[in-house]
Amino acid sequence: MEEVVDIVDENDNLVGRELKSKCHRDMLLHRGAAILVFKDNSYTEIIIQKRSMKISNPGKLCIPGGHLSSGDDYITGAKRELQEELFHGQELPKEIEFKELFKIKKSTDHDYEFNVVYRVVHLGPFSNDPDEVEDYFFEDIKETLKKIKNEPENYTETTALLLKEYQKRFM
């Protein structure tokens, strides 16, 4: 069954609900969340995921995140996405603290959405959902930004946008 998401106006107020595919096709503004998973409190190494070949943007590199289901607030959606992608088959560890970094309106990867970006610190172990994430690894964020500049085709548009925004605000 296809996911239903909330449609919002330019001020991020709820105006309706629709199938995710219709939101993408008709460029309807909706919501998403992304999570920068840092290895430790130095905030230098982040988790990069290789997307499964079974989903959109197959094989591309990205950070954890995704659409908010209808009725989710941003933090609920972020927690669900992190649990689905990196803690598959287990509870999200209670010690993980989500810090909201910024909110951005974007139009990338066929998504027209508000996206809230969170920071968490967790070393693992992780358990990826193979239907969504083929592989994952920690990488220095500066190295990732260099790779995005030199090889943008290897990354999702959203990951490139969000990491560049993070760089502007925090580095």
C-alpha atoms as a PDB file:
ATOM      1  CA  MET A   1       0.000   0.000   0.000  1.00  0.00           C
ATOM      2  CA  GLU A   2       1.381   3.364  -0.999  1.00  0.00           C
ATOM      3  CA  GLU A   3       2.296   5.899   1.662  1.00  0.00           C
ATOM      4  CA  VAL A   4      -0.018   8.859   2.313  1.00  0.00           C
ATOM      5  CA  VAL A   5       1.664  12.139   3.248  1.00  0.00           C
ATOM      6  CA  ASP A   6       0.444  15.501   4.486  1.00  0.00           C
ATOM      7  CA  ILE A   7       0.248  18.334   1.969  1.00  0.00           C
ATOM      8  CA  VAL A   8       1.224  21.745   3.357  1.00  0.00           C
ATOM      9  CA  ASP A   9       1.084  25.363   2.233  1.00  0.00           C
ATOM     10  CA  GLU A  10       4.004  27.789   1.851  1.00  0.00           C
ATOM     11  CA  ASN A  11       3.941  28.363   5.638  1.00  0.00           C
ATOM     12  CA  ASP A  12       4.077  24.616   6.395  1.00  0.00           C
ATOM     13  CA  ASN A  13       0.433  24.501   7.504  1.00  0.00           C
ATOM     14  CA  LEU A  14      -1.527  21.326   6.820  1.00  0.00           C
ATOM     15  CA  VAL A  15      -3.914  21.685   3.872  1.00  0.00           C
ATOM     16  CA  GLY A  16      -4.633  18.052   2.944  1.00  0.00           C
ATOM     17  CA  ARG A  17      -3.381  14.519   2.474  1.00  0.00           C
ATOM     18  CA  GLU A  18      -2.344  12.708  -0.678  1.00  0.00           C
ATOM     19  CA  LEU A  19      -0.452   9.705  -2.013  1.00  0.00           C
ATOM     20  CA  LYS A  20       3.298  10.273  -2.091  1.00  0.00           C
ATOM     21  CA  SER A  21       3.434   9.475  -5.829  1.00  0.00           C
ATOM     22  CA  LYS A  22       0.815  12.161  -6.587  1.00  0.00           C
ATOM     23  CA  CYS A  23       2.805  14.676  -4.518  1.00  0.00           C
ATOM     24  CA  HIS A  24       5.867  13.916  -6.631  1.00  0.00           C
ATOM     25  CA  ARG A  25       3.996  13.951  -9.932  1.00  0.00           C
ATOM     26  CA  ASP A  26       2.099  17.178  -9.213  1.00  0.00           C
ATOM     27  CA  MET A  27       4.859  18.916  -7.193  1.00  0.00           C
ATOM     28  CA  LEU A  28       2.674  19.208  -4.084  1.00  0.00           C
ATOM     29  CA  LEU A  29       4.484  20.636  -1.063  1.00  0.00           C
ATOM     30  CA  HIS A  30       4.865  18.047   1.711  1.00  0.00           C
ATOM     31  CA  ARG A  31       7.258  17.196   4.592  1.00  0.00           C
ATOM     32  CA  GLY A  32      10.431  15.217   5.148  1.00  0.00           C
ATOM     33  CA  ALA A  33      13.221  14.787   7.661  1.00  0.00           C
ATOM     34  CA  ALA A  34      16.929  14.021   7.380  1.00  0.00           C
ATOM     35  CA  ILE A  35      19.396  12.940  10.018  1.00  0.00           C
ATOM     36  CA  LEU A  36      23.120  13.619  10.182  1.00  0.00           C
ATOM     37  CA  VAL A  37      24.463  10.669  12.177  1.00  0.00           C
ATOM     38  CA  PHE A  38      27.845  11.613  13.604  1.00  0.00           C
ATOM     39  CA  LYS A  39      30.326   9.070  14.946  1.00  0.00           C
ATOM     40  CA  ASP A  40      31.145  11.195  18.014  1.00  0.00           C
ATOM     41  CA  ASN A  41      30.909  14.697  19.477  1.00  0.00           C
ATOM     42  CA  SER A  42      33.707  16.008  17.263  1.00  0.00           C
ATOM     43  CA  TYR A  43      31.022  16.175  14.531  1.00  0.00           C
ATOM     44  CA  THR A  44      33.532  15.318  11.815  1.00  0.00           C
ATOM     45  CA  GLU A  45      32.472  11.866  10.595  1.00  0.00           C
ATOM     46  CA  ILE A  46      28.949  11.143   9.367  1.00  0.00           C
ATOM     47  CA  ILE A  47      27.091   8.087   8.157  1.00  0.00           C
ATOM     48  CA  ILE A  48      26.768   7.879   4.393  1.00  0.00           C
ATOM     49  CA  GLN A  49      24.381   5.283   3.004  1.00  0.00           C
ATOM     50  CA  LYS A  50      24.307   3.584  -0.362  1.00  0.00           C
ATOM     51  CA  ARG A  51      20.679   3.325  -1.412  1.00  0.00           C
ATOM     52  CA  SER A  52      19.213  -0.033  -2.347  1.00  0.00           C
ATOM     53  CA  MET A  53      18.719  -0.781  -6.026  1.00  0.00           C
ATOM     54  CA  LYS A  54      15.022  -1.389  -5.196  1.00  0.00           C
ATOM     55  CA  ILE A  55      14.087   2.230  -4.391  1.00  0.00           C
ATOM     56  CA  SER A  56      14.239   5.679  -5.996  1.00  0.00           C
ATOM     57  CA  ASN A  57      17.731   6.981  -6.745  1.00  0.00           C
ATOM     58  CA  PRO A  58      19.074   3.403  -6.755  1.00  0.00           C
ATOM     59  CA  GLY A  59      22.710   3.034  -5.747  1.00  0.00           C
ATOM     60  CA  LYS A  60      23.141   6.724  -4.940  1.00  0.00           C
ATOM     61  CA  LEU A  61      24.855   7.889  -1.764  1.00  0.00           C
ATOM     62  CA  CYS A  62      22.787   9.740   0.807  1.00  0.00           C
ATOM     63  CA  ILE A  63      22.205  10.537   4.456  1.00  0.00           C
ATOM     64  CA  PRO A  64      19.393   8.872   6.437  1.00  0.00           C
ATOM     65  CA  GLY A  65      15.931  10.371   6.093  1.00  0.00           C
ATOM     66  CA  GLY A  66      12.712  10.355   4.170  1.00  0.00           C
ATOM     67  CA  HIS A  67       9.102  11.441   3.957  1.00  0.00           C
ATOM     68  CA  LEU A  68       6.897  12.080   6.946  1.00  0.00           C
ATOM     69  CA  SER A  69       3.819   9.884   6.965  1.00  0.00           C
ATOM     70  CA  SER A  70       0.478  11.613   7.275  1.00  0.00           C
ATOM     71  CA  GLY A  71      -0.017  12.747  10.865  1.00  0.00           C
ATOM     72  CA  ASP A  72       3.699  12.667  11.766  1.00  0.00           C
ATOM     73  CA  ASP A  73       5.438  15.671  13.218  1.00  0.00           C
ATOM     74  CA  TYR A  74       9.050  16.188  12.137  1.00  0.00           C
ATOM     75  CA  ILE A  75      10.718  14.489  15.112  1.00  0.00           C
ATOM     76  CA  THR A  76       8.425  11.439  14.906  1.00  0.00           C
ATOM     77  CA  GLY A  77       9.202  11.066  11.210  1.00  0.00           C
ATOM     78  CA  ALA A  78      12.939  11.495  11.775  1.00  0.00           C
ATOM     79  CA  LYS A  79      12.959   8.825  14.482  1.00  0.00           C
ATOM     80  CA  ARG A  80      10.975   6.425  12.305  1.00  0.00           C
ATOM     81  CA  GLU A  81      13.262   6.949   9.309  1.00  0.00           C
ATOM     82  CA  LEU A  82      16.413   6.423  11.383  1.00  0.00           C
ATOM     83  CA  GLN A  83      14.953   3.290  12.957  1.00  0.00           C
ATOM     84  CA  GLU A  84      13.899   1.904   9.549  1.00  0.00           C
ATOM     85  CA  GLU A  85      17.200   2.608   7.819  1.00  0.00           C
ATOM     86  CA  LEU A  86      19.881   1.968  10.458  1.00  0.00           C
ATOM     87  CA  PHE A  87      18.209   0.058  13.299  1.00  0.00           C
ATOM     88  CA  HIS A  88      16.146  -2.357  11.215  1.00  0.00           C
ATOM     89  CA  GLY A  89      14.501  -5.040  13.333  1.00  0.00           C
ATOM     90  CA  GLN A  90      15.384  -3.361  16.623  1.00  0.00           C
ATOM     91  CA  GLU A  91      14.257  -0.516  18.826  1.00  0.00           C
ATOM     92  CA  LEU A  92      15.784   2.902  18.309  1.00  0.00           C
ATOM     93  CA  PRO A  93      18.364   3.208  21.137  1.00  0.00           C
ATOM     94  CA  LYS A  94      16.971   5.376  23.937  1.00  0.00           C
ATOM     95  CA  GLU A  95      20.283   7.202  24.410  1.00  0.00           C
ATOM     96  CA  ILE A  96      20.064   8.799  20.954  1.00  0.00           C
ATOM     97  CA  GLU A  97      19.272  12.498  21.264  1.00  0.00           C
ATOM     98  CA  PHE A  98      17.934  14.372  18.253  1.00  0.00           C
ATOM     99  CA  LYS A  99      19.034  17.999  17.914  1.00  0.00           C
ATOM    100  CA  GLU A 100      17.187  20.048  15.320  1.00  0.00           C
ATOM    101  CA  LEU A 101      19.690  21.938  13.161  1.00  0.00           C
ATOM    102  CA  PHE A 102      17.607  23.706  10.517  1.00  0.00           C
ATOM    103  CA  LYS A 103      14.514  23.627   8.340  1.00  0.00           C
ATOM    104  CA  ILE A 104      14.693  24.206   4.606  1.00  0.00           C
ATOM    105  CA  LYS A 105      12.221  24.270   1.738  1.00  0.00           C
ATOM    106  CA  LYS A 106      13.593  22.256  -1.154  1.00  0.00           C
ATOM    107  CA  SER A 107      12.806  21.027  -4.630  1.00  0.00           C
ATOM    108  CA  THR A 108      15.204  18.143  -5.304  1.00  0.00           C
ATOM    109  CA  ASP A 109      14.908  14.468  -6.245  1.00  0.00           C
ATOM    110  CA  HIS A 110      11.302  15.029  -7.451  1.00  0.00           C
ATOM    111  CA  ASP A 111      10.362  16.265  -3.967  1.00  0.00           C
ATOM    112  CA  TYR A 112       8.869  19.644  -3.222  1.00  0.00           C
ATOM    113  CA  GLU A 113       9.020  19.677   0.540  1.00  0.00           C
ATOM    114  CA  PHE A 114       9.936  21.237   3.813  1.00  0.00           C
ATOM    115  CA  ASN A 115      12.771  19.243   5.324  1.00  0.00           C
ATOM    116  CA  VAL A 116      13.987  19.414   8.904  1.00  0.00           C
ATOM    117  CA  VAL A 117      17.557  18.270   9.473  1.00  0.00           C
ATOM    118  CA  TYR A 118      18.570  16.714  12.798  1.00  0.00           C
ATOM    119  CA  ARG A 119      21.907  15.765  14.298  1.00  0.00           C
ATOM    120  CA  VAL A 120      22.481  12.630  16.335  1.00  0.00           C
ATOM    121  CA  VAL A 121      25.614  10.994  17.690  1.00  0.00           C
ATOM    122  CA  HIS A 122      25.858   7.213  17.603  1.00  0.00           C
ATOM    123  CA  LEU A 123      28.745   4.873  16.886  1.00  0.00           C
ATOM    124  CA  GLY A 124      26.600   1.828  16.224  1.00  0.00           C
ATOM    125  CA  PRO A 125      26.244  -1.028  15.838  1.00  0.00           C
ATOM    126  CA  PHE A 126      23.746  -0.536  13.040  1.00  0.00           C
ATOM    127  CA  SER A 127      21.437  -2.905  11.201  1.00  0.00           C
ATOM    128  CA  ASN A 128      20.339  -1.632   7.800  1.00  0.00           C
ATOM    129  CA  ASP A 129      17.129  -2.542   6.019  1.00  0.00           C
ATOM    130  CA  PRO A 130      18.435  -4.126   2.777  1.00  0.00           C
ATOM    131  CA  ASP A 131      15.281  -3.018   0.941  1.00  0.00           C
ATOM    132  CA  GLU A 132      16.285   0.606   1.584  1.00  0.00           C
ATOM    133  CA  VAL A 133      20.012   0.671   2.362  1.00  0.00           C
ATOM    134  CA  GLU A 134      22.532  -1.523   0.561  1.00  0.00           C
ATOM    135  CA  ASP A 135      25.517  -0.369   2.639  1.00  0.00           C
ATOM    136  CA  TYR A 136      26.663   2.390   4.988  1.00  0.00           C
ATOM    137  CA  PHE A 137      29.935   3.800   6.277  1.00  0.00           C
ATOM    138  CA  PHE A 138      31.336   6.672   8.300  1.00  0.00           C
ATOM    139  CA  GLU A 139      33.179   9.347   6.331  1.00  0.00           C
ATOM    140  CA  ASP A 140      34.716  12.705   7.190  1.00  0.00           C
ATOM    141  CA  ILE A 141      32.105  15.314   6.292  1.00  0.00           C
ATOM    142  CA  LYS A 142      34.713  17.518   4.587  1.00  0.00           C
ATOM    143  CA  GLU A 143      35.700  14.580   2.380  1.00  0.00           C
ATOM    144  CA  THR A 144      32.039  13.950   1.556  1.00  0.00           C
ATOM    145  CA  LEU A 145      31.591  17.596   0.565  1.00  0.00           C
ATOM    146  CA  LYS A 146      34.644  17.370  -1.737  1.00  0.00           C
ATOM    147  CA  LYS A 147      33.227  14.235  -3.347  1.00  0.00           C
ATOM    148  CA  ILE A 148      29.852  15.933  -3.843  1.00  0.00           C
ATOM    149  CA  LYS A 149      31.609  18.809  -5.602  1.00  0.00           C
ATOM    150  CA  ASN A 150      33.701  16.521  -7.832  1.00  0.00           C
ATOM    151  CA  GLU A 151      31.258  13.636  -8.366  1.00  0.00           C
ATOM    152  CA  PRO A 152      27.733  15.009  -7.786  1.00  0.00           C
ATOM    153  CA  GLU A 153      26.174  12.224  -9.861  1.00  0.00           C
ATOM    154  CA  ASN A 154      27.018   9.721  -7.087  1.00  0.00           C
ATOM    155  CA  TYR A 155      24.808  11.485  -4.513  1.00  0.00           C
ATOM    156  CA  THR A 156      21.132  12.250  -4.207  1.00  0.00           C
ATOM    157  CA  GLU A 157      20.334  15.895  -4.952  1.00  0.00           C
ATOM    158  CA  THR A 158      18.808  16.190  -1.486  1.00  0.00           C
ATOM    159  CA  THR A 159      21.963  14.985   0.273  1.00  0.00           C
ATOM    160  CA  ALA A 160      24.098  17.422  -1.713  1.00  0.00           C
ATOM    161  CA  LEU A 161      21.751  20.303  -0.889  1.00  0.00           C
ATOM    162  CA  LEU A 162      21.449  19.501   2.819  1.00  0.00           C
ATOM    163  CA  LEU A 163      25.177  18.939   3.376  1.00  0.00           C
ATOM    164  CA  LYS A 164      26.043  22.190   1.575  1.00  0.00           C
ATOM    165  CA  GLU A 165      23.501  23.990   3.762  1.00  0.00           C
ATOM    166  CA  TYR A 166      25.032  22.369   6.865  1.00  0.00           C
ATOM    167  CA  GLN A 167      28.462  23.534   5.709  1.00  0.00           C
ATOM    168  CA  LYS A 168      27.234  27.135   5.294  1.00  0.00           C
ATOM    169  CA  ARG A 169      25.654  27.202   8.736  1.00  0.00           C
ATOM    170  CA  PHE A 170      28.023  25.159  10.903  1.00  0.00           C
ATOM    171  CA  MET A 171      31.470  24.754   9.329  1.00  0.00           C
END
